Amino acid sequence: MKNKLDKIRDQYRDSVPPIPYLPIGEVVLVYRLPSEEKTAGGLYVPEEHRSPVSSGILIAAGLAARDVMADALIETGDIVYFARFAGDEKEFKRDEAKVGQKLLQLKVRELLGSADALERSQNYRIVLKTYDDGTSEHVYERKAA
């Protein structure tokens, strides 16, 4: 049985690289989705003039980042959105044609959202949980089937 990240690798024809290292703390690794080769009018855009896409696939996260992601219902393998120039792009491997595989390394707080989490949230409701010491917090609770 394949996990979600393996299914996405199949969908993008193995262009999603393997995880080069496990990030620590609030750091996440994101594979930036490729930009469009053609405009809406059918013109081809040269690679040096393509603007970077502000969405990608979350491939790895540190332990502190996983806590933040759990609060937002984001999981590894989700398509996430971030600011256009957020994070640092790291090249970690080159193939025979001298083309490097790049990953975006950014803090989990720089993620703006996830379309997959939106779909997942349809099965949850937000409730206010109050504790005996007078504190409270909002938590996700699974809806009854």
N, C-alpha and C. Protein backbone atom coordinates (compact mmCIF):
# COMPACT_ATOMS: atom_id res chain seq x y z
N MET A 1 0.84 -1.19 0.00
CA MET A 1 0.00 0.00 0.00
C MET A 1 0.88 1.25 0.00
N LYS A 2 0.66 2.13 -0.97
CA LYS A 2 1.46 3.34 -1.08
C LYS A 2 0.93 4.43 -0.16
N ASN A 3 1.86 5.23 0.38
CA ASN A 3 1.42 6.37 1.16
C ASN A 3 1.16 7.55 0.23
N LYS A 4 0.68 8.64 0.79
CA LYS A 4 0.26 9.78 -0.01
C LYS A 4 1.42 10.39 -0.81
N LEU A 5 2.59 10.47 -0.19
CA LEU A 5 3.74 11.07 -0.87
C LEU A 5 4.18 10.23 -2.05
N ASP A 6 4.12 8.91 -1.94
CA ASP A 6 4.48 8.03 -3.06
C ASP A 6 3.49 8.18 -4.21
N LYS A 7 2.22 8.35 -3.92
CA LYS A 7 1.22 8.56 -4.96
C LYS A 7 1.47 9.88 -5.69
N ILE A 8 1.88 10.91 -4.96
CA ILE A 8 2.17 12.20 -5.59
C ILE A 8 3.41 12.09 -6.45
N ARG A 9 4.42 11.34 -5.99
CA ARG A 9 5.62 11.12 -6.81
C ARG A 9 5.25 10.46 -8.13
N ASP A 10 4.33 9.50 -8.10
CA ASP A 10 3.87 8.86 -9.33
C ASP A 10 3.16 9.86 -10.22
N GLN A 11 2.35 10.73 -9.62
CA GLN A 11 1.59 11.71 -10.39
C GLN A 11 2.51 12.70 -11.10
N TYR A 12 3.58 13.12 -10.46
CA TYR A 12 4.52 14.06 -11.06
C TYR A 12 5.70 13.36 -11.70
N ARG A 13 5.50 12.13 -12.13
CA ARG A 13 6.49 11.36 -12.88
C ARG A 13 7.86 11.34 -12.21
N ASP A 14 7.87 11.04 -10.95
CA ASP A 14 9.11 10.91 -10.17
C ASP A 14 9.96 12.17 -10.15
N SER A 15 9.37 13.35 -10.40
CA SER A 15 10.15 14.58 -10.32
C SER A 15 10.27 15.06 -8.88
N VAL A 16 9.43 14.54 -7.99
CA VAL A 16 9.55 14.88 -6.58
C VAL A 16 10.74 14.10 -6.04
N PRO A 17 11.78 14.80 -5.56
CA PRO A 17 12.99 14.09 -5.13
C PRO A 17 12.79 13.37 -3.81
N PRO A 18 13.67 12.43 -3.50
CA PRO A 18 13.61 11.78 -2.19
C PRO A 18 14.02 12.79 -1.10
N ILE A 19 13.68 12.49 0.12
CA ILE A 19 14.00 13.39 1.24
C ILE A 19 15.51 13.32 1.49
N PRO A 20 16.24 14.43 1.31
CA PRO A 20 17.69 14.39 1.48
C PRO A 20 18.13 14.37 2.94
N TYR A 21 17.34 14.96 3.84
CA TYR A 21 17.65 15.00 5.26
C TYR A 21 16.38 15.28 6.03
N LEU A 22 16.36 14.94 7.30
CA LEU A 22 15.20 15.20 8.13
C LEU A 22 15.37 16.57 8.78
N PRO A 23 14.48 17.51 8.47
CA PRO A 23 14.61 18.84 9.08
C PRO A 23 14.33 18.80 10.58
N ILE A 24 14.88 19.77 11.29
CA ILE A 24 14.67 19.83 12.74
C ILE A 24 13.87 21.08 13.09
N GLY A 25 13.25 21.07 14.23
CA GLY A 25 12.50 22.23 14.72
C GLY A 25 11.30 22.54 13.86
N GLU A 26 11.14 23.82 13.53
CA GLU A 26 10.00 24.28 12.75
C GLU A 26 10.27 24.34 11.25
N VAL A 27 11.30 23.66 10.80
CA VAL A 27 11.67 23.69 9.39
C VAL A 27 10.90 22.63 8.62
N VAL A 28 10.43 23.00 7.42
CA VAL A 28 9.77 22.05 6.53
C VAL A 28 10.47 22.08 5.17
N LEU A 29 10.39 20.98 4.44
CA LEU A 29 10.94 20.90 3.08
C LEU A 29 9.77 20.78 2.12
N VAL A 30 9.80 21.62 1.09
CA VAL A 30 8.71 21.66 0.11
C VAL A 30 9.31 21.55 -1.29
N TYR A 31 8.72 20.68 -2.11
CA TYR A 31 9.08 20.61 -3.52
C TYR A 31 8.20 21.60 -4.25
N ARG A 32 8.81 22.63 -4.83
CA ARG A 32 8.04 23.64 -5.56
C ARG A 32 7.54 23.05 -6.87
N LEU A 33 6.24 23.17 -7.10
CA LEU A 33 5.65 22.65 -8.34
C LEU A 33 6.21 23.41 -9.53
N PRO A 34 6.38 22.75 -10.67
CA PRO A 34 6.95 23.41 -11.85
C PRO A 34 6.01 24.49 -12.38
N SER A 35 6.59 25.56 -12.91
CA SER A 35 5.79 26.64 -13.48
C SER A 35 5.29 26.24 -14.87
N GLU A 36 4.30 26.95 -15.34
CA GLU A 36 3.68 26.64 -16.63
C GLU A 36 4.65 26.92 -17.78
N GLU A 37 4.67 26.04 -18.75
CA GLU A 37 5.53 26.21 -19.92
C GLU A 37 4.87 27.07 -20.98
N LYS A 38 3.52 27.08 -20.97
CA LYS A 38 2.78 27.86 -21.97
C LYS A 38 1.85 28.84 -21.27
N THR A 39 1.64 29.99 -21.91
CA THR A 39 0.68 30.96 -21.39
C THR A 39 -0.73 30.53 -21.79
N ALA A 40 -1.72 31.26 -21.29
CA ALA A 40 -3.11 30.96 -21.62
C ALA A 40 -3.36 31.12 -23.12
N GLY A 41 -2.60 32.01 -23.77
CA GLY A 41 -2.75 32.23 -25.20
C GLY A 41 -2.00 31.23 -26.06
N GLY A 42 -1.24 30.31 -25.43
CA GLY A 42 -0.54 29.28 -26.18
C GLY A 42 0.91 29.59 -26.48
N LEU A 43 1.45 30.71 -25.96
CA LEU A 43 2.85 31.05 -26.19
C LEU A 43 3.75 30.30 -25.21
N TYR A 44 4.89 29.83 -25.69
CA TYR A 44 5.85 29.16 -24.83
C TYR A 44 6.70 30.20 -24.10
N VAL A 45 6.89 29.97 -22.81
CA VAL A 45 7.69 30.87 -21.98
C VAL A 45 9.04 30.22 -21.74
N PRO A 46 10.14 30.91 -22.08
CA PRO A 46 11.46 30.33 -21.82
C PRO A 46 11.67 30.13 -20.32
N GLU A 47 12.46 29.14 -19.97
CA GLU A 47 12.63 28.78 -18.56
C GLU A 47 13.19 29.93 -17.73
N GLU A 48 14.06 30.74 -18.29
CA GLU A 48 14.66 31.84 -17.52
C GLU A 48 13.67 32.97 -17.26
N HIS A 49 12.54 32.99 -17.95
CA HIS A 49 11.54 34.05 -17.75
C HIS A 49 10.31 33.58 -16.99
N ARG A 50 10.29 32.33 -16.58
CA ARG A 50 9.14 31.82 -15.83
C ARG A 50 9.21 32.32 -14.39
N SER A 51 8.07 32.72 -13.86
CA SER A 51 8.04 33.16 -12.48
C SER A 51 7.84 31.94 -11.57
N PRO A 52 8.43 31.99 -10.38
CA PRO A 52 8.31 30.83 -9.49
C PRO A 52 6.87 30.65 -9.02
N VAL A 53 6.45 29.41 -8.91
CA VAL A 53 5.10 29.08 -8.45
C VAL A 53 5.09 29.15 -6.92
N SER A 54 4.01 29.64 -6.34
CA SER A 54 3.95 29.76 -4.89
C SER A 54 3.16 28.62 -4.25
N SER A 55 3.27 27.44 -4.84
CA SER A 55 2.68 26.24 -4.24
C SER A 55 3.63 25.08 -4.45
N GLY A 56 3.50 24.09 -3.59
CA GLY A 56 4.39 22.94 -3.69
C GLY A 56 3.88 21.78 -2.87
N ILE A 57 4.67 20.73 -2.82
CA ILE A 57 4.31 19.52 -2.10
C ILE A 57 5.19 19.44 -0.85
N LEU A 58 4.54 19.34 0.29
CA LEU A 58 5.25 19.22 1.56
C LEU A 58 5.82 17.81 1.66
N ILE A 59 7.15 17.68 1.71
CA ILE A 59 7.73 16.34 1.71
C ILE A 59 8.35 15.93 3.04
N ALA A 60 8.71 16.90 3.91
CA ALA A 60 9.28 16.55 5.21
C ALA A 60 9.09 17.70 6.17
N ALA A 61 9.03 17.38 7.47
CA ALA A 61 8.84 18.41 8.49
C ALA A 61 9.53 17.99 9.78
N GLY A 62 10.05 18.98 10.50
CA GLY A 62 10.64 18.74 11.82
C GLY A 62 9.56 18.47 12.85
N LEU A 63 9.97 18.05 14.05
CA LEU A 63 9.00 17.68 15.08
C LEU A 63 8.15 18.87 15.53
N ALA A 64 8.76 20.02 15.74
CA ALA A 64 7.99 21.20 16.15
C ALA A 64 7.05 21.64 15.03
N ALA A 65 7.47 21.47 13.78
CA ALA A 65 6.62 21.81 12.64
C ALA A 65 5.41 20.89 12.57
N ARG A 66 5.60 19.62 12.93
CA ARG A 66 4.48 18.67 12.90
C ARG A 66 3.39 19.06 13.90
N ASP A 67 3.79 19.63 15.04
CA ASP A 67 2.80 20.10 16.01
C ASP A 67 1.94 21.21 15.43
N VAL A 68 2.58 22.16 14.76
CA VAL A 68 1.85 23.27 14.14
C VAL A 68 0.98 22.76 13.01
N MET A 69 1.51 21.83 12.23
CA MET A 69 0.75 21.28 11.10
C MET A 69 -0.47 20.50 11.57
N ALA A 70 -0.36 19.80 12.70
CA ALA A 70 -1.49 19.04 13.22
C ALA A 70 -2.63 19.98 13.60
N ASP A 71 -2.29 21.16 14.12
CA ASP A 71 -3.32 22.14 14.46
C ASP A 71 -4.05 22.64 13.23
N ALA A 72 -3.38 22.65 12.08
CA ALA A 72 -3.98 23.14 10.84
C ALA A 72 -4.44 22.00 9.92
N LEU A 73 -4.39 20.77 10.40
CA LEU A 73 -4.79 19.58 9.63
C LEU A 73 -3.95 19.39 8.36
N ILE A 74 -2.70 19.82 8.40
CA ILE A 74 -1.79 19.66 7.26
C ILE A 74 -0.93 18.42 7.51
N GLU A 75 -0.74 17.61 6.47
CA GLU A 75 0.05 16.39 6.57
C GLU A 75 1.14 16.39 5.50
N THR A 76 2.15 15.54 5.70
CA THR A 76 3.18 15.35 4.69
C THR A 76 2.53 14.79 3.43
N GLY A 77 2.88 15.35 2.28
CA GLY A 77 2.28 14.94 1.01
C GLY A 77 1.21 15.90 0.53
N ASP A 78 0.81 16.85 1.36
CA ASP A 78 -0.20 17.84 0.97
C ASP A 78 0.38 18.87 0.01
N ILE A 79 -0.47 19.43 -0.82
CA ILE A 79 -0.08 20.58 -1.63
C ILE A 79 -0.30 21.80 -0.76
N VAL A 80 0.77 22.57 -0.54
CA VAL A 80 0.72 23.74 0.34
C VAL A 80 1.01 25.01 -0.44
N TYR A 81 0.59 26.13 0.12
CA TYR A 81 0.80 27.44 -0.48
C TYR A 81 1.68 28.28 0.44
N PHE A 82 2.52 29.12 -0.17
CA PHE A 82 3.44 29.96 0.59
C PHE A 82 3.67 31.23 -0.21
N ALA A 83 4.31 32.22 0.42
CA ALA A 83 4.60 33.47 -0.27
C ALA A 83 5.58 33.21 -1.42
N ARG A 84 5.53 34.05 -2.40
CA ARG A 84 6.30 33.83 -3.64
C ARG A 84 7.79 33.67 -3.40
N PHE A 85 8.36 34.47 -2.53
CA PHE A 85 9.81 34.40 -2.29
C PHE A 85 10.13 33.94 -0.87
N ALA A 86 9.27 33.12 -0.29
CA ALA A 86 9.49 32.61 1.06
C ALA A 86 10.56 31.53 1.06
N GLY A 87 11.28 31.43 2.16
CA GLY A 87 12.24 30.35 2.35
C GLY A 87 13.49 30.45 1.51
N ASP A 88 14.29 29.41 1.58
CA ASP A 88 15.55 29.30 0.82
C ASP A 88 15.48 28.08 -0.06
N GLU A 89 15.85 28.26 -1.32
CA GLU A 89 15.87 27.14 -2.24
C GLU A 89 17.25 26.48 -2.16
N LYS A 90 17.25 25.20 -1.84
CA LYS A 90 18.49 24.44 -1.67
C LYS A 90 18.62 23.42 -2.79
N GLU A 91 19.78 23.44 -3.44
CA GLU A 91 20.09 22.43 -4.45
C GLU A 91 20.92 21.35 -3.76
N PHE A 92 20.46 20.10 -3.87
CA PHE A 92 21.15 19.06 -3.13
C PHE A 92 21.68 17.92 -3.98
N LYS A 93 21.28 17.86 -5.25
CA LYS A 93 21.74 16.76 -6.09
C LYS A 93 21.71 17.20 -7.55
N ARG A 94 22.73 16.81 -8.31
CA ARG A 94 22.77 17.10 -9.74
C ARG A 94 22.77 15.79 -10.51
N ASP A 95 22.07 15.80 -11.65
CA ASP A 95 22.06 14.60 -12.48
C ASP A 95 23.14 14.71 -13.55
N GLU A 96 23.14 13.79 -14.49
CA GLU A 96 24.17 13.76 -15.53
C GLU A 96 24.15 15.02 -16.41
N ALA A 97 22.99 15.61 -16.60
CA ALA A 97 22.88 16.80 -17.45
C ALA A 97 23.19 18.08 -16.68
N LYS A 98 23.74 17.96 -15.46
CA LYS A 98 24.11 19.10 -14.61
C LYS A 98 22.89 19.93 -14.20
N VAL A 99 21.73 19.29 -14.16
CA VAL A 99 20.53 19.95 -13.68
C VAL A 99 20.32 19.54 -12.23
N GLY A 100 20.23 20.53 -11.35
CA GLY A 100 20.12 20.24 -9.93
C GLY A 100 18.68 20.04 -9.48
N GLN A 101 18.48 19.14 -8.54
CA GLN A 101 17.19 18.99 -7.90
C GLN A 101 17.14 19.95 -6.73
N LYS A 102 16.07 20.72 -6.67
CA LYS A 102 15.97 21.77 -5.64
C LYS A 102 14.77 21.53 -4.76
N LEU A 103 14.95 21.87 -3.49
CA LEU A 103 13.87 21.86 -2.52
C LEU A 103 13.83 23.21 -1.84
N LEU A 104 12.65 23.60 -1.42
CA LEU A 104 12.47 24.85 -0.70
C LEU A 104 12.47 24.52 0.79
N GLN A 105 13.35 25.18 1.53
CA GLN A 105 13.43 25.00 2.97
C GLN A 105 12.86 26.25 3.62
N LEU A 106 11.80 26.09 4.41
CA LEU A 106 11.20 27.26 5.04
C LEU A 106 10.64 26.89 6.40
N LYS A 107 10.29 27.90 7.18
CA LYS A 107 9.67 27.69 8.49
C LYS A 107 8.21 27.35 8.29
N VAL A 108 7.66 26.55 9.17
CA VAL A 108 6.27 26.13 9.05
C VAL A 108 5.33 27.34 9.14
N ARG A 109 5.74 28.38 9.83
CA ARG A 109 4.92 29.59 9.96
C ARG A 109 4.79 30.34 8.63
N GLU A 110 5.67 30.04 7.67
CA GLU A 110 5.60 30.69 6.36
C GLU A 110 4.60 30.02 5.43
N LEU A 111 4.08 28.86 5.83
CA LEU A 111 3.04 28.21 5.03
C LEU A 111 1.74 29.01 5.18
N LEU A 112 1.07 29.24 4.07
CA LEU A 112 -0.16 30.02 4.09
C LEU A 112 -1.40 29.15 4.18
N GLY A 113 -1.31 27.91 3.72
CA GLY A 113 -2.46 27.03 3.79
C GLY A 113 -2.26 25.80 2.92
N SER A 114 -3.31 24.97 2.90
CA SER A 114 -3.28 23.72 2.14
C SER A 114 -4.66 23.41 1.62
N ALA A 115 -4.75 23.08 0.35
CA ALA A 115 -6.03 22.69 -0.24
C ALA A 115 -6.47 21.34 0.30
N ASP A 116 -5.53 20.45 0.55
CA ASP A 116 -5.87 19.14 1.11
C ASP A 116 -6.43 19.28 2.51
N ALA A 117 -5.90 20.22 3.30
CA ALA A 117 -6.42 20.44 4.65
C ALA A 117 -7.84 20.99 4.60
N LEU A 118 -8.14 21.77 3.57
CA LEU A 118 -9.51 22.28 3.42
C LEU A 118 -10.49 21.13 3.22
N GLU A 119 -10.14 20.19 2.37
CA GLU A 119 -10.98 19.01 2.16
C GLU A 119 -11.09 18.19 3.44
N ARG A 120 -9.96 18.05 4.13
CA ARG A 120 -9.95 17.28 5.37
C ARG A 120 -10.81 17.93 6.45
N SER A 121 -10.87 19.25 6.47
CA SER A 121 -11.62 19.97 7.50
C SER A 121 -13.13 19.75 7.38
N GLN A 122 -13.60 19.27 6.24
CA GLN A 122 -15.02 19.00 6.08
C GLN A 122 -15.49 17.89 7.02
N ASN A 123 -14.56 17.06 7.50
CA ASN A 123 -14.89 15.97 8.40
C ASN A 123 -14.71 16.34 9.87
N TYR A 124 -14.35 17.58 10.15
CA TYR A 124 -14.09 18.02 11.51
C TYR A 124 -14.93 19.25 11.83
N ARG A 125 -15.09 19.50 13.11
CA ARG A 125 -15.69 20.75 13.55
C ARG A 125 -14.77 21.33 14.62
N ILE A 126 -14.81 22.63 14.77
CA ILE A 126 -13.96 23.30 15.75
C ILE A 126 -14.78 23.50 17.02
N VAL A 127 -14.22 23.04 18.14
CA VAL A 127 -14.90 23.19 19.43
C VAL A 127 -13.97 23.91 20.40
N LEU A 128 -14.58 24.58 21.37
CA LEU A 128 -13.82 25.26 22.42
C LEU A 128 -13.72 24.31 23.60
N LYS A 129 -12.50 23.93 23.93
CA LYS A 129 -12.26 23.00 25.02
C LYS A 129 -11.81 23.81 26.23
N THR A 130 -12.54 23.70 27.35
CA THR A 130 -12.23 24.46 28.56
C THR A 130 -11.68 23.51 29.61
N TYR A 131 -10.62 23.95 30.29
CA TYR A 131 -9.96 23.13 31.29
C TYR A 131 -10.32 23.61 32.70
N ASP A 132 -10.01 22.80 33.71
CA ASP A 132 -10.35 23.11 35.10
C ASP A 132 -9.61 24.34 35.62
N ASP A 133 -8.42 24.61 35.06
CA ASP A 133 -7.65 25.76 35.54
C ASP A 133 -8.12 27.08 34.92
N GLY A 134 -9.18 27.05 34.13
CA GLY A 134 -9.75 28.27 33.56
C GLY A 134 -9.26 28.60 32.17
N THR A 135 -8.29 27.85 31.67
CA THR A 135 -7.80 28.10 30.32
C THR A 135 -8.66 27.35 29.31
N SER A 136 -8.57 27.77 28.08
CA SER A 136 -9.33 27.10 27.02
C SER A 136 -8.55 27.18 25.71
N GLU A 137 -8.92 26.33 24.78
CA GLU A 137 -8.31 26.33 23.46
C GLU A 137 -9.29 25.77 22.45
N HIS A 138 -9.09 26.15 21.20
CA HIS A 138 -9.90 25.61 20.12
C HIS A 138 -9.22 24.35 19.60
N VAL A 139 -10.00 23.29 19.41
CA VAL A 139 -9.47 22.03 18.91
C VAL A 139 -10.39 21.49 17.83
N TYR A 140 -9.85 20.63 16.97
CA TYR A 140 -10.65 19.95 15.95
C TYR A 140 -11.22 18.68 16.56
N GLU A 141 -12.47 18.43 16.29
CA GLU A 141 -13.13 17.22 16.75
C GLU A 141 -13.80 16.58 15.53
N ARG A 142 -13.59 15.27 15.35
CA ARG A 142 -14.16 14.58 14.20
C ARG A 142 -15.68 14.57 14.31
N LYS A 143 -16.33 14.87 13.18
CA LYS A 143 -17.80 14.85 13.13
C LYS A 143 -18.28 13.41 13.20
N ALA A 144 -19.43 13.22 13.81
CA ALA A 144 -20.03 11.89 13.88
C ALA A 144 -20.53 11.49 12.49
N ALA A 145 -20.33 10.23 12.15
CA ALA A 145 -20.69 9.77 10.82
C ALA A 145 -22.16 9.56 10.63
